[in-house]
């Protein structure tokens, strides 16, 4: 896929293969609650791009308040937040204002309107089981080069874990260019694992408490924002 991949104008059903890890995230321009934006405006830093089924709904409200409260922690990871649903900009603005007035939580990140469904179709965010045009709880972690590094989908009835999203972003950052991987349940400060050796010389150097295919080592580089 081209490094300048973008979403074409929508004129009916768009049939494309599902986006996968390693694809360049399709660029688009849209109105948001923070003004007109392009996805490519976020190049140079990590991005958590996520959709929600609808404004003024209970699970979505809980997610937005949770993400807002954790916004500073995402910022420490140099990770921006960008939400989307098919609701109009005016519905978005009314919903976010109501959240602030009723619950005292200001939503600091932009929320994209997508009434034409062009973006959610390109990203595969539509819930095909819904009786309307609602989007699923899709989450894309996009790296500073605009490449999709992780994809997570939740059903409409289940809210996402903000702590797990933070862990996911931090794990991706930790393994980026550091020749280590993060094992099950990893959190900052826990042991990381080395990749399986691919040469005899590397195999003979394997030490520590593990063996050649599982070699945990102390994590010396997981400082938030590093």
N, C-alpha and C. Protein backbone atom coordinates (compact mmCIF):
# COMPACT_ATOMS: atom_id res chain seq x y z
N UNK A 1 0.85 -1.19 0.00
CA UNK A 1 0.00 0.00 0.00
C UNK A 1 0.88 1.24 0.00
N UNK A 2 0.48 2.25 -0.70
CA UNK A 2 1.27 3.47 -0.81
C UNK A 2 1.40 4.15 0.55
N UNK A 3 2.55 4.79 0.72
CA UNK A 3 2.77 5.56 1.94
C UNK A 3 1.81 6.74 2.04
N UNK A 4 1.17 7.09 0.93
CA UNK A 4 0.22 8.19 0.92
C UNK A 4 -1.20 7.67 0.71
N UNK A 5 -1.48 6.48 1.23
CA UNK A 5 -2.81 5.89 1.08
C UNK A 5 -3.86 6.83 1.63
N UNK A 6 -4.95 6.99 0.89
CA UNK A 6 -6.02 7.87 1.34
C UNK A 6 -7.36 7.25 1.02
N UNK A 7 -8.41 7.79 1.60
CA UNK A 7 -9.75 7.25 1.44
C UNK A 7 -10.42 7.94 0.25
N UNK A 8 -10.90 7.18 -0.73
CA UNK A 8 -11.58 7.80 -1.87
C UNK A 8 -12.96 8.31 -1.46
N UNK A 9 -13.52 9.18 -2.30
CA UNK A 9 -14.88 9.65 -2.06
C UNK A 9 -15.83 8.47 -2.09
N UNK A 10 -16.83 8.50 -1.21
CA UNK A 10 -17.75 7.37 -1.10
C UNK A 10 -18.91 7.51 -2.08
N UNK A 11 -19.07 6.53 -2.96
CA UNK A 11 -20.17 6.52 -3.93
C UNK A 11 -20.84 5.14 -3.93
N UNK A 12 -21.23 4.67 -2.75
CA UNK A 12 -21.81 3.33 -2.66
C UNK A 12 -20.93 2.45 -1.80
N UNK A 13 -21.08 1.13 -1.92
CA UNK A 13 -20.33 0.19 -1.10
C UNK A 13 -18.88 0.17 -1.54
N UNK A 14 -17.97 0.34 -0.58
CA UNK A 14 -16.55 0.25 -0.86
C UNK A 14 -16.09 -1.15 -0.48
N UNK A 15 -15.58 -1.89 -1.43
CA UNK A 15 -15.12 -3.25 -1.16
C UNK A 15 -13.60 -3.25 -1.15
N UNK A 16 -13.03 -3.37 0.02
CA UNK A 16 -11.59 -3.44 0.17
C UNK A 16 -11.29 -4.57 1.14
N UNK A 17 -10.07 -5.08 1.07
CA UNK A 17 -9.70 -6.11 2.03
C UNK A 17 -9.55 -5.47 3.40
N UNK A 18 -9.75 -6.23 4.46
CA UNK A 18 -9.63 -5.67 5.80
C UNK A 18 -8.22 -5.12 6.04
N UNK A 19 -8.14 -4.04 6.80
CA UNK A 19 -6.83 -3.52 7.18
C UNK A 19 -6.15 -4.50 8.11
N UNK A 20 -4.83 -4.56 8.01
CA UNK A 20 -4.06 -5.51 8.80
C UNK A 20 -2.89 -4.81 9.47
N UNK A 21 -2.32 -5.46 10.46
CA UNK A 21 -1.10 -4.96 11.08
C UNK A 21 -0.03 -4.85 10.00
N UNK A 22 0.65 -3.72 9.96
CA UNK A 22 1.67 -3.48 8.95
C UNK A 22 1.20 -2.63 7.79
N UNK A 23 -0.13 -2.45 7.66
CA UNK A 23 -0.66 -1.56 6.61
C UNK A 23 -0.45 -0.10 7.01
N UNK A 24 -0.31 0.75 6.00
CA UNK A 24 -0.34 2.18 6.26
C UNK A 24 -1.79 2.59 6.51
N UNK A 25 -2.03 3.31 7.59
CA UNK A 25 -3.39 3.75 7.92
C UNK A 25 -3.89 4.72 6.85
N UNK A 26 -5.04 4.45 6.24
CA UNK A 26 -5.56 5.36 5.21
C UNK A 26 -5.74 6.78 5.73
N UNK A 27 -5.25 7.73 4.98
CA UNK A 27 -5.37 9.13 5.38
C UNK A 27 -6.78 9.64 5.05
N UNK A 28 -7.21 10.63 5.78
CA UNK A 28 -8.50 11.26 5.49
C UNK A 28 -8.50 12.66 6.09
N UNK A 29 -9.40 13.49 5.62
CA UNK A 29 -9.62 14.82 6.17
C UNK A 29 -11.07 14.90 6.63
N UNK A 30 -11.28 15.45 7.81
CA UNK A 30 -12.64 15.48 8.36
C UNK A 30 -12.79 16.59 9.38
N UNK A 31 -14.04 16.94 9.67
CA UNK A 31 -14.33 17.88 10.75
C UNK A 31 -14.27 17.14 12.08
N UNK A 32 -13.72 17.79 13.07
CA UNK A 32 -13.65 17.23 14.42
C UNK A 32 -14.08 18.30 15.42
N UNK A 33 -14.21 17.89 16.65
CA UNK A 33 -14.57 18.83 17.71
C UNK A 33 -13.45 19.81 18.01
N UNK A 34 -12.27 19.60 17.43
CA UNK A 34 -11.14 20.52 17.57
C UNK A 34 -10.81 21.22 16.26
N UNK A 35 -11.73 21.15 15.28
CA UNK A 35 -11.48 21.78 13.99
C UNK A 35 -11.18 20.75 12.90
N UNK A 36 -10.95 21.24 11.69
CA UNK A 36 -10.64 20.37 10.55
C UNK A 36 -9.28 19.71 10.77
N UNK A 37 -9.21 18.41 10.51
CA UNK A 37 -7.96 17.67 10.72
C UNK A 37 -7.79 16.61 9.65
N UNK A 38 -6.53 16.21 9.44
CA UNK A 38 -6.19 15.04 8.64
C UNK A 38 -5.55 14.02 9.57
N UNK A 39 -5.72 12.74 9.26
CA UNK A 39 -5.05 11.73 10.07
C UNK A 39 -3.54 11.93 10.01
N UNK A 40 -3.03 12.32 8.86
CA UNK A 40 -1.59 12.50 8.70
C UNK A 40 -1.04 13.65 9.54
N UNK A 41 -1.91 14.48 10.12
CA UNK A 41 -1.45 15.53 11.03
C UNK A 41 -0.76 14.93 12.25
N UNK A 42 -1.04 13.67 12.53
CA UNK A 42 -0.49 13.02 13.73
C UNK A 42 0.82 12.29 13.44
N UNK A 43 1.30 12.33 12.20
CA UNK A 43 2.58 11.69 11.88
C UNK A 43 3.68 12.26 12.79
N UNK A 44 4.60 11.40 13.16
CA UNK A 44 5.68 11.82 14.05
C UNK A 44 5.45 11.44 15.49
N UNK A 45 4.24 10.94 15.81
CA UNK A 45 3.98 10.45 17.16
C UNK A 45 3.01 9.28 17.07
N UNK A 46 2.86 8.56 18.17
CA UNK A 46 1.92 7.45 18.21
C UNK A 46 0.50 7.99 18.26
N UNK A 47 -0.44 7.17 17.78
CA UNK A 47 -1.85 7.58 17.76
C UNK A 47 -2.74 6.41 18.12
N UNK A 48 -3.66 6.64 19.05
CA UNK A 48 -4.72 5.69 19.35
C UNK A 48 -5.98 6.21 18.66
N UNK A 49 -6.36 5.57 17.56
CA UNK A 49 -7.53 5.98 16.77
C UNK A 49 -8.63 4.97 17.03
N UNK A 50 -9.77 5.43 17.53
CA UNK A 50 -10.80 4.49 17.98
C UNK A 50 -12.19 4.99 17.59
N UNK A 51 -13.09 4.04 17.38
CA UNK A 51 -14.48 4.36 17.08
C UNK A 51 -15.37 3.93 18.24
N UNK A 52 -16.55 4.55 18.31
CA UNK A 52 -17.54 4.15 19.31
C UNK A 52 -18.90 4.10 18.63
N UNK A 53 -19.83 3.27 19.14
CA UNK A 53 -21.12 3.08 18.46
C UNK A 53 -21.96 4.35 18.33
N UNK A 54 -22.07 5.14 19.40
CA UNK A 54 -22.96 6.30 19.32
C UNK A 54 -22.73 7.24 20.49
N UNK A 55 -22.97 8.53 20.25
CA UNK A 55 -22.96 9.52 21.32
C UNK A 55 -24.17 9.29 22.24
N UNK A 56 -24.09 9.84 23.44
CA UNK A 56 -25.19 9.77 24.41
C UNK A 56 -25.59 8.32 24.72
N UNK A 57 -24.60 7.44 24.85
CA UNK A 57 -24.85 6.05 25.24
C UNK A 57 -23.97 5.73 26.45
N UNK A 58 -24.39 4.80 27.31
CA UNK A 58 -23.71 4.62 28.60
C UNK A 58 -22.28 4.10 28.51
N UNK A 59 -22.05 3.04 27.73
CA UNK A 59 -20.71 2.47 27.67
C UNK A 59 -19.73 3.45 27.03
N UNK A 60 -20.17 4.11 25.96
CA UNK A 60 -19.31 5.08 25.28
C UNK A 60 -18.96 6.24 26.20
N UNK A 61 -19.93 6.69 26.99
CA UNK A 61 -19.67 7.77 27.93
C UNK A 61 -18.62 7.36 28.95
N UNK A 62 -18.72 6.13 29.45
CA UNK A 62 -17.73 5.66 30.42
C UNK A 62 -16.34 5.58 29.80
N UNK A 63 -16.26 5.15 28.54
CA UNK A 63 -14.97 5.06 27.86
C UNK A 63 -14.34 6.44 27.68
N UNK A 64 -15.15 7.39 27.23
CA UNK A 64 -14.60 8.73 26.99
C UNK A 64 -14.13 9.38 28.28
N UNK A 65 -14.87 9.19 29.36
CA UNK A 65 -14.41 9.75 30.63
C UNK A 65 -13.13 9.07 31.09
N UNK A 66 -13.04 7.75 30.90
CA UNK A 66 -11.83 7.04 31.28
C UNK A 66 -10.62 7.48 30.47
N UNK A 67 -10.80 7.65 29.16
CA UNK A 67 -9.71 8.10 28.30
C UNK A 67 -9.31 9.53 28.64
N UNK A 68 -10.29 10.37 28.94
CA UNK A 68 -9.98 11.76 29.31
C UNK A 68 -9.15 11.81 30.58
N UNK A 69 -9.51 11.00 31.56
CA UNK A 69 -8.77 10.99 32.83
C UNK A 69 -7.35 10.46 32.65
N UNK A 70 -7.15 9.64 31.62
CA UNK A 70 -5.82 9.06 31.36
C UNK A 70 -5.06 9.81 30.27
N UNK A 71 -5.59 10.94 29.82
CA UNK A 71 -4.98 11.65 28.69
C UNK A 71 -3.53 12.03 28.97
N UNK A 72 -3.23 12.46 30.20
CA UNK A 72 -1.86 12.83 30.53
C UNK A 72 -0.92 11.63 30.46
N UNK A 73 -1.41 10.45 30.80
CA UNK A 73 -0.57 9.25 30.74
C UNK A 73 -0.28 8.86 29.30
N UNK A 74 -1.27 9.02 28.42
CA UNK A 74 -1.01 8.78 27.00
C UNK A 74 -0.02 9.82 26.47
N UNK A 75 -0.14 11.05 26.94
CA UNK A 75 0.76 12.12 26.49
C UNK A 75 2.20 11.80 26.89
N UNK A 76 2.39 11.21 28.06
CA UNK A 76 3.73 10.81 28.49
C UNK A 76 4.34 9.77 27.57
N UNK A 77 3.49 9.01 26.89
CA UNK A 77 3.95 8.02 25.92
C UNK A 77 4.04 8.61 24.51
N UNK A 78 3.86 9.91 24.40
CA UNK A 78 3.84 10.60 23.10
C UNK A 78 2.79 9.97 22.19
N UNK A 79 1.63 9.69 22.77
CA UNK A 79 0.54 9.04 22.04
C UNK A 79 -0.69 9.94 22.06
N UNK A 80 -1.13 10.37 20.88
CA UNK A 80 -2.33 11.19 20.76
C UNK A 80 -3.57 10.30 20.75
N UNK A 81 -4.72 10.88 21.04
CA UNK A 81 -6.00 10.18 21.03
C UNK A 81 -6.91 10.82 19.98
N UNK A 82 -7.62 9.98 19.23
CA UNK A 82 -8.54 10.48 18.21
C UNK A 82 -9.75 9.55 18.14
N UNK A 83 -10.93 10.08 18.45
CA UNK A 83 -12.16 9.28 18.41
C UNK A 83 -12.95 9.52 17.14
N UNK A 84 -13.90 8.62 16.87
CA UNK A 84 -14.75 8.73 15.67
C UNK A 84 -16.06 8.00 15.90
N UNK A 85 -17.15 8.57 15.37
CA UNK A 85 -18.39 7.83 15.19
C UNK A 85 -19.13 8.46 14.01
N UNK A 86 -20.22 7.82 13.60
CA UNK A 86 -20.98 8.33 12.45
C UNK A 86 -21.91 9.48 12.84
N UNK A 87 -21.95 9.83 14.12
CA UNK A 87 -22.77 10.96 14.55
C UNK A 87 -22.24 12.27 13.97
N UNK A 88 -23.10 13.28 13.91
CA UNK A 88 -22.71 14.57 13.36
C UNK A 88 -21.83 15.34 14.33
N UNK A 89 -21.15 16.33 13.82
CA UNK A 89 -20.32 17.19 14.66
C UNK A 89 -21.15 17.84 15.76
N UNK A 90 -22.38 18.24 15.44
CA UNK A 90 -23.23 18.92 16.42
C UNK A 90 -23.64 17.97 17.55
N UNK A 91 -23.88 16.72 17.22
CA UNK A 91 -24.16 15.72 18.26
C UNK A 91 -22.93 15.51 19.14
N UNK A 92 -21.76 15.44 18.50
CA UNK A 92 -20.51 15.29 19.26
C UNK A 92 -20.35 16.44 20.26
N UNK A 93 -20.51 17.66 19.77
CA UNK A 93 -20.32 18.83 20.63
C UNK A 93 -21.30 18.84 21.80
N UNK A 94 -22.56 18.51 21.52
CA UNK A 94 -23.57 18.49 22.58
C UNK A 94 -23.26 17.41 23.60
N UNK A 95 -22.82 16.25 23.14
CA UNK A 95 -22.50 15.14 24.05
C UNK A 95 -21.32 15.50 24.95
N UNK A 96 -20.25 16.01 24.36
CA UNK A 96 -19.06 16.34 25.14
C UNK A 96 -19.34 17.46 26.14
N UNK A 97 -20.16 18.43 25.74
CA UNK A 97 -20.54 19.49 26.67
C UNK A 97 -21.37 18.94 27.82
N UNK A 98 -22.25 17.99 27.52
CA UNK A 98 -23.08 17.38 28.57
C UNK A 98 -22.22 16.59 29.55
N UNK A 99 -21.23 15.87 29.03
CA UNK A 99 -20.32 15.12 29.91
C UNK A 99 -19.61 16.08 30.86
N UNK A 100 -19.15 17.21 30.33
CA UNK A 100 -18.46 18.17 31.19
C UNK A 100 -19.40 18.77 32.22
N UNK A 101 -20.62 19.11 31.81
CA UNK A 101 -21.57 19.75 32.73
C UNK A 101 -22.07 18.78 33.80
N UNK A 102 -22.37 17.54 33.41
CA UNK A 102 -22.97 16.58 34.35
C UNK A 102 -21.94 15.86 35.21
N UNK A 103 -20.77 15.58 34.63
CA UNK A 103 -19.79 14.74 35.34
C UNK A 103 -18.47 15.45 35.62
N UNK A 104 -18.34 16.68 35.16
CA UNK A 104 -17.13 17.44 35.45
C UNK A 104 -15.88 16.93 34.75
N UNK A 105 -16.06 16.24 33.63
CA UNK A 105 -14.92 15.69 32.89
C UNK A 105 -14.85 16.36 31.52
N UNK A 106 -13.76 17.04 31.26
CA UNK A 106 -13.56 17.66 29.95
C UNK A 106 -12.84 16.69 29.03
N UNK A 107 -13.34 16.52 27.82
CA UNK A 107 -12.72 15.62 26.85
C UNK A 107 -11.69 16.42 26.06
N UNK A 108 -10.39 16.16 26.26
CA UNK A 108 -9.36 17.01 25.66
C UNK A 108 -8.94 16.63 24.25
N UNK A 109 -9.39 15.48 23.78
CA UNK A 109 -8.95 15.00 22.47
C UNK A 109 -10.05 15.19 21.43
N UNK A 110 -9.71 15.25 20.13
CA UNK A 110 -10.70 15.49 19.09
C UNK A 110 -11.57 14.27 18.80
N UNK A 111 -12.79 14.55 18.37
CA UNK A 111 -13.75 13.51 18.00
C UNK A 111 -14.21 13.78 16.57
N UNK A 112 -13.98 12.83 15.67
CA UNK A 112 -14.27 12.97 14.24
C UNK A 112 -15.74 12.68 13.95
N UNK A 113 -16.36 13.50 13.11
CA UNK A 113 -17.69 13.16 12.60
C UNK A 113 -17.52 12.39 11.28
N UNK A 114 -18.39 11.40 11.08
CA UNK A 114 -18.30 10.59 9.85
C UNK A 114 -19.70 10.22 9.36
N UNK A 115 -20.57 11.21 9.10
CA UNK A 115 -21.94 10.89 8.69
C UNK A 115 -22.03 10.18 7.35
N UNK A 116 -21.04 10.36 6.48
CA UNK A 116 -21.05 9.66 5.18
C UNK A 116 -20.57 8.22 5.32
N UNK A 117 -19.98 7.89 6.47
CA UNK A 117 -19.43 6.57 6.78
C UNK A 117 -18.24 6.21 5.89
N UNK A 118 -17.64 7.17 5.22
CA UNK A 118 -16.50 6.88 4.36
C UNK A 118 -15.31 6.38 5.16
N UNK A 119 -15.04 7.02 6.30
CA UNK A 119 -13.88 6.62 7.11
C UNK A 119 -14.13 5.27 7.78
N UNK A 120 -15.31 5.12 8.40
CA UNK A 120 -15.56 3.86 9.12
C UNK A 120 -15.63 2.67 8.16
N UNK A 121 -16.06 2.88 6.92
CA UNK A 121 -16.05 1.79 5.94
C UNK A 121 -14.61 1.44 5.56
N UNK A 122 -13.79 2.45 5.34
CA UNK A 122 -12.41 2.19 4.95
C UNK A 122 -11.64 1.47 6.05
N UNK A 123 -12.00 1.73 7.30
CA UNK A 123 -11.31 1.11 8.43
C UNK A 123 -12.03 -0.14 8.94
N UNK A 124 -13.15 -0.52 8.32
CA UNK A 124 -13.86 -1.71 8.76
C UNK A 124 -14.51 -1.57 10.11
N UNK A 125 -14.97 -0.37 10.45
CA UNK A 125 -15.50 -0.11 11.78
C UNK A 125 -17.00 -0.33 11.91
N UNK A 126 -17.72 -0.57 10.82
CA UNK A 126 -19.16 -0.73 10.90
C UNK A 126 -19.53 -2.06 11.54
N UNK A 127 -20.52 -2.03 12.40
CA UNK A 127 -21.04 -3.25 13.03
C UNK A 127 -22.11 -3.85 12.11
N UNK A 128 -21.77 -4.93 11.44
CA UNK A 128 -22.69 -5.53 10.47
C UNK A 128 -23.89 -6.21 11.14
N UNK A 129 -23.82 -6.41 12.47
CA UNK A 129 -24.94 -7.04 13.18
C UNK A 129 -25.93 -6.01 13.71
N UNK A 130 -25.56 -4.73 13.65
CA UNK A 130 -26.44 -3.69 14.20
C UNK A 130 -27.58 -3.38 13.24
N UNK A 131 -28.67 -2.88 13.78
CA UNK A 131 -29.83 -2.52 12.98
C UNK A 131 -29.72 -1.10 12.42
N UNK A 132 -28.62 -0.42 12.73
CA UNK A 132 -28.41 0.93 12.22
C UNK A 132 -26.97 1.03 11.74
N UNK A 133 -26.47 2.23 11.61
CA UNK A 133 -25.12 2.44 11.07
C UNK A 133 -24.07 2.57 12.16
N UNK A 134 -24.30 1.99 13.32
CA UNK A 134 -23.36 2.13 14.43
C UNK A 134 -22.03 1.47 14.11
N UNK A 135 -20.97 2.03 14.68
CA UNK A 135 -19.65 1.44 14.54
C UNK A 135 -19.35 0.56 15.74
N UNK A 136 -18.50 -0.44 15.54
CA UNK A 136 -18.04 -1.26 16.66
C UNK A 136 -17.03 -0.46 17.47
N UNK A 137 -16.59 -1.05 18.59
CA UNK A 137 -15.54 -0.42 19.37
C UNK A 137 -14.20 -0.87 18.79
N UNK A 138 -13.82 -0.27 17.69
CA UNK A 138 -12.56 -0.61 17.02
C UNK A 138 -11.46 0.32 17.50
N UNK A 139 -10.28 -0.23 17.70
CA UNK A 139 -9.13 0.56 18.14
C UNK A 139 -7.94 0.22 17.27
N UNK A 140 -7.29 1.25 16.74
CA UNK A 140 -6.09 1.09 15.94
C UNK A 140 -4.95 1.84 16.63
N UNK A 141 -3.84 1.15 16.87
CA UNK A 141 -2.64 1.82 17.35
C UNK A 141 -1.76 2.05 16.13
N UNK A 142 -1.48 3.32 15.85
CA UNK A 142 -0.75 3.73 14.65
C UNK A 142 0.57 4.35 15.08
N UNK A 143 1.67 3.91 14.45
CA UNK A 143 2.99 4.38 14.88
C UNK A 143 3.33 5.73 14.25
N UNK A 144 4.47 6.33 14.62
CA UNK A 144 4.81 7.66 14.09
C UNK A 144 4.98 7.73 12.58
N UNK A 145 5.17 6.59 11.92
CA UNK A 145 5.28 6.55 10.46
C UNK A 145 3.92 6.34 9.79
N UNK A 146 2.85 6.27 10.58
CA UNK A 146 1.52 6.07 10.01
C UNK A 146 1.18 4.62 9.74
N UNK A 147 1.92 3.68 10.32
CA UNK A 147 1.70 2.25 10.10
C UNK A 147 0.87 1.67 11.24
N UNK A 148 -0.11 0.85 10.90
CA UNK A 148 -0.95 0.20 11.91
C UNK A 148 -0.13 -0.88 12.62
N UNK A 149 -0.01 -0.77 13.94
CA UNK A 149 0.80 -1.71 14.71
C UNK A 149 -0.04 -2.65 15.56
N UNK A 150 -1.30 -2.31 15.80
CA UNK A 150 -2.18 -3.19 16.57
C UNK A 150 -3.62 -2.83 16.25
N UNK A 151 -4.50 -3.85 16.29
CA UNK A 151 -5.93 -3.66 16.05
C UNK A 151 -6.69 -4.43 17.13
N UNK A 152 -7.68 -3.79 17.72
CA UNK A 152 -8.50 -4.44 18.75
C UNK A 152 -9.96 -4.07 18.50
N UNK A 153 -10.84 -5.09 18.49
CA UNK A 153 -12.28 -4.84 18.36
C UNK A 153 -13.01 -5.36 19.58
N UNK A 154 -13.95 -4.57 20.06
CA UNK A 154 -14.84 -5.00 21.14
C UNK A 154 -16.28 -4.91 20.64
N UNK A 155 -17.17 -5.76 21.15
CA UNK A 155 -18.58 -5.65 20.79
C UNK A 155 -19.20 -4.41 21.44
N UNK A 156 -20.38 -4.05 20.97
CA UNK A 156 -21.03 -2.83 21.45
C UNK A 156 -21.32 -2.88 22.95
N UNK A 157 -21.52 -4.07 23.50
CA UNK A 157 -21.95 -4.19 24.89
C UNK A 157 -20.79 -4.21 25.89
N UNK A 158 -19.55 -4.22 25.42
CA UNK A 158 -18.39 -4.36 26.31
C UNK A 158 -17.47 -3.16 26.15
N UNK A 159 -17.20 -2.48 27.25
CA UNK A 159 -16.31 -1.33 27.21
C UNK A 159 -14.84 -1.73 27.20
N UNK A 160 -14.03 -0.90 26.59
CA UNK A 160 -12.59 -1.14 26.55
C UNK A 160 -11.93 -0.80 27.88
N UNK A 161 -10.79 -1.44 28.15
CA UNK A 161 -10.00 -1.15 29.34
C UNK A 161 -8.94 -0.11 29.00
N UNK A 162 -9.02 1.05 29.62
CA UNK A 162 -8.02 2.09 29.38
C UNK A 162 -6.65 1.62 29.83
N UNK A 163 -6.59 0.90 30.95
CA UNK A 163 -5.30 0.40 31.43
C UNK A 163 -4.66 -0.53 30.41
N UNK A 164 -5.46 -1.38 29.77
CA UNK A 164 -4.91 -2.30 28.76
C UNK A 164 -4.44 -1.54 27.53
N UNK A 165 -5.16 -0.49 27.14
CA UNK A 165 -4.72 0.30 25.99
C UNK A 165 -3.40 1.00 26.29
N UNK A 166 -3.25 1.51 27.50
CA UNK A 166 -1.97 2.10 27.90
C UNK A 166 -0.86 1.07 27.87
N UNK A 167 -1.15 -0.11 28.39
CA UNK A 167 -0.15 -1.18 28.40
C UNK A 167 0.25 -1.57 26.98
N UNK A 168 -0.74 -1.64 26.09
CA UNK A 168 -0.48 -2.01 24.70
C UNK A 168 0.45 -1.00 24.03
N UNK A 169 0.14 0.28 24.19
CA UNK A 169 0.98 1.32 23.58
C UNK A 169 2.39 1.26 24.16
N UNK A 170 2.49 1.12 25.48
CA UNK A 170 3.81 1.09 26.10
C UNK A 170 4.60 -0.15 25.69
N UNK A 171 3.93 -1.28 25.54
CA UNK A 171 4.62 -2.50 25.10
C UNK A 171 5.13 -2.35 23.67
N UNK A 172 4.33 -1.75 22.80
CA UNK A 172 4.78 -1.52 21.42
C UNK A 172 5.99 -0.59 21.39
N UNK A 173 5.94 0.46 22.18
CA UNK A 173 7.08 1.38 22.26
C UNK A 173 8.31 0.69 22.83
N UNK A 174 8.10 -0.16 23.82
CA UNK A 174 9.25 -0.83 24.47
C UNK A 174 9.97 -1.75 23.51
N UNK A 175 9.22 -2.47 22.68
CA UNK A 175 9.84 -3.44 21.77
C UNK A 175 10.37 -2.79 20.49
N UNK A 176 10.01 -1.53 20.26
CA UNK A 176 10.42 -0.83 19.04
C UNK A 176 11.93 -0.60 19.03
N UNK A 177 12.64 -1.32 18.17
CA UNK A 177 14.07 -1.10 17.99
C UNK A 177 14.94 -1.50 19.16
N UNK A 178 14.40 -2.28 20.12
CA UNK A 178 15.17 -2.64 21.30
C UNK A 178 15.55 -4.12 21.37
N UNK A 179 15.24 -4.88 20.32
CA UNK A 179 15.60 -6.30 20.26
C UNK A 179 15.04 -7.08 21.44
N UNK A 180 13.89 -6.65 21.96
CA UNK A 180 13.21 -7.40 23.01
C UNK A 180 11.73 -7.48 22.66
N UNK A 181 11.04 -8.41 23.33
CA UNK A 181 9.60 -8.57 23.16
C UNK A 181 8.98 -8.59 24.55
N UNK A 182 7.68 -8.35 24.63
CA UNK A 182 7.02 -8.31 25.93
C UNK A 182 6.14 -9.55 26.11
N UNK A 183 6.35 -10.31 27.18
CA UNK A 183 5.59 -11.55 27.38
C UNK A 183 4.19 -11.29 27.92
N UNK A 184 3.46 -12.37 28.15
CA UNK A 184 2.09 -12.31 28.67
C UNK A 184 2.05 -11.48 29.95
N UNK A 185 1.09 -10.56 30.00
CA UNK A 185 0.88 -9.79 31.21
C UNK A 185 1.95 -8.76 31.52
N UNK A 186 2.85 -8.49 30.57
CA UNK A 186 3.95 -7.56 30.83
C UNK A 186 3.44 -6.19 31.25
N UNK A 187 4.11 -5.63 32.24
CA UNK A 187 3.92 -4.23 32.61
C UNK A 187 5.30 -3.62 32.80
N UNK A 188 5.43 -2.30 32.72
CA UNK A 188 6.74 -1.67 32.84
C UNK A 188 7.48 -2.10 34.10
N UNK A 189 8.74 -2.49 33.92
CA UNK A 189 9.56 -2.96 35.02
C UNK A 189 9.64 -4.47 35.12
N UNK A 190 8.68 -5.18 34.49
CA UNK A 190 8.74 -6.64 34.47
C UNK A 190 9.76 -7.11 33.44
N UNK A 191 10.17 -8.37 33.55
CA UNK A 191 11.11 -8.93 32.58
C UNK A 191 10.54 -8.88 31.17
N UNK A 192 11.43 -8.69 30.21
CA UNK A 192 11.10 -8.82 28.80
C UNK A 192 11.75 -10.10 28.29
N UNK A 193 11.48 -10.48 27.06
CA UNK A 193 12.09 -11.69 26.50
C UNK A 193 12.83 -11.33 25.22
N UNK A 194 13.89 -12.08 24.97
CA UNK A 194 14.65 -11.88 23.75
C UNK A 194 14.06 -12.71 22.62
N UNK A 195 14.18 -12.23 21.39
CA UNK A 195 13.73 -13.05 20.25
C UNK A 195 14.52 -14.34 20.16
N UNK A 196 13.93 -15.34 19.51
CA UNK A 196 14.62 -16.62 19.32
C UNK A 196 15.87 -16.39 18.47
N UNK A 197 17.04 -16.93 18.87
CA UNK A 197 18.25 -16.76 18.07
C UNK A 197 18.12 -17.41 16.70
N UNK A 198 18.75 -16.81 15.73
CA UNK A 198 18.65 -17.31 14.35
C UNK A 198 19.98 -17.79 13.80
N UNK A 199 21.03 -17.77 14.61
CA UNK A 199 22.33 -18.30 14.19
C UNK A 199 22.91 -19.16 15.31
N UNK A 200 23.86 -20.02 14.97
CA UNK A 200 24.50 -20.86 15.98
C UNK A 200 25.24 -20.00 17.00
N UNK A 201 25.91 -18.96 16.51
CA UNK A 201 26.66 -18.10 17.42
C UNK A 201 25.74 -17.45 18.44
N UNK A 202 24.61 -16.96 17.98
CA UNK A 202 23.66 -16.33 18.89
C UNK A 202 23.07 -17.35 19.86
N UNK A 203 22.83 -18.56 19.38
CA UNK A 203 22.26 -19.61 20.22
C UNK A 203 23.19 -19.93 21.39
N UNK A 204 24.50 -19.96 21.14
CA UNK A 204 25.46 -20.30 22.19
C UNK A 204 25.61 -19.21 23.23
N UNK A 205 25.16 -18.01 22.90
CA UNK A 205 25.26 -16.90 23.84
C UNK A 205 24.07 -16.81 24.79
N UNK A 206 23.05 -17.61 24.52
CA UNK A 206 21.85 -17.54 25.35
C UNK A 206 22.18 -17.96 26.77
N UNK A 207 21.80 -17.12 27.70
CA UNK A 207 22.05 -17.44 29.10
C UNK A 207 20.85 -17.05 29.94
N UNK A 208 21.07 -16.89 31.22
CA UNK A 208 19.99 -16.47 32.09
C UNK A 208 19.17 -17.65 32.57
N UNK A 209 17.95 -17.35 33.03
CA UNK A 209 17.11 -18.37 33.66
C UNK A 209 16.32 -19.19 32.66
N UNK A 210 16.31 -18.80 31.40
CA UNK A 210 15.48 -19.48 30.43
C UNK A 210 16.25 -20.47 29.58
N UNK A 211 15.75 -20.69 28.37
CA UNK A 211 16.42 -21.56 27.42
C UNK A 211 16.37 -20.87 26.07
N UNK A 212 16.80 -21.56 25.02
CA UNK A 212 16.98 -20.89 23.74
C UNK A 212 15.70 -20.28 23.17
N UNK A 213 14.53 -20.89 23.46
CA UNK A 213 13.29 -20.35 22.91
C UNK A 213 12.51 -19.49 23.90
N UNK A 214 12.97 -19.43 25.14
CA UNK A 214 12.31 -18.56 26.13
C UNK A 214 13.39 -18.04 27.06
N UNK A 215 13.76 -16.80 26.84
CA UNK A 215 14.90 -16.23 27.56
C UNK A 215 14.53 -14.88 28.16
N UNK A 216 13.91 -14.88 29.36
CA UNK A 216 13.55 -13.60 29.99
C UNK A 216 14.78 -12.87 30.51
N UNK A 217 14.77 -11.56 30.37
CA UNK A 217 15.87 -10.72 30.85
C UNK A 217 15.26 -9.49 31.52
N UNK A 218 16.01 -8.86 32.42
CA UNK A 218 15.48 -7.67 33.09
C UNK A 218 15.16 -6.56 32.08
N UNK A 219 14.10 -5.85 32.36
CA UNK A 219 13.71 -4.72 31.53
C UNK A 219 14.44 -3.48 32.04
N UNK A 220 15.36 -2.99 31.25
CA UNK A 220 16.17 -1.85 31.68
C UNK A 220 15.77 -0.55 31.00
N UNK A 221 14.74 -0.59 30.16
CA UNK A 221 14.45 0.61 29.38
C UNK A 221 13.02 1.07 29.37
N UNK A 222 12.17 0.60 30.27
CA UNK A 222 10.76 0.99 30.20
C UNK A 222 10.45 2.14 31.14
N UNK A 223 10.91 3.31 30.75
CA UNK A 223 10.51 4.52 31.47
C UNK A 223 9.43 5.20 30.65
N UNK A 224 8.34 5.54 31.28
CA UNK A 224 7.19 6.09 30.57
C UNK A 224 7.62 7.33 29.77
N UNK A 225 7.25 7.30 28.47
CA UNK A 225 7.60 8.40 27.60
C UNK A 225 8.93 8.24 26.92
N UNK A 226 9.69 7.16 27.27
CA UNK A 226 11.00 6.94 26.66
C UNK A 226 10.87 6.39 25.26
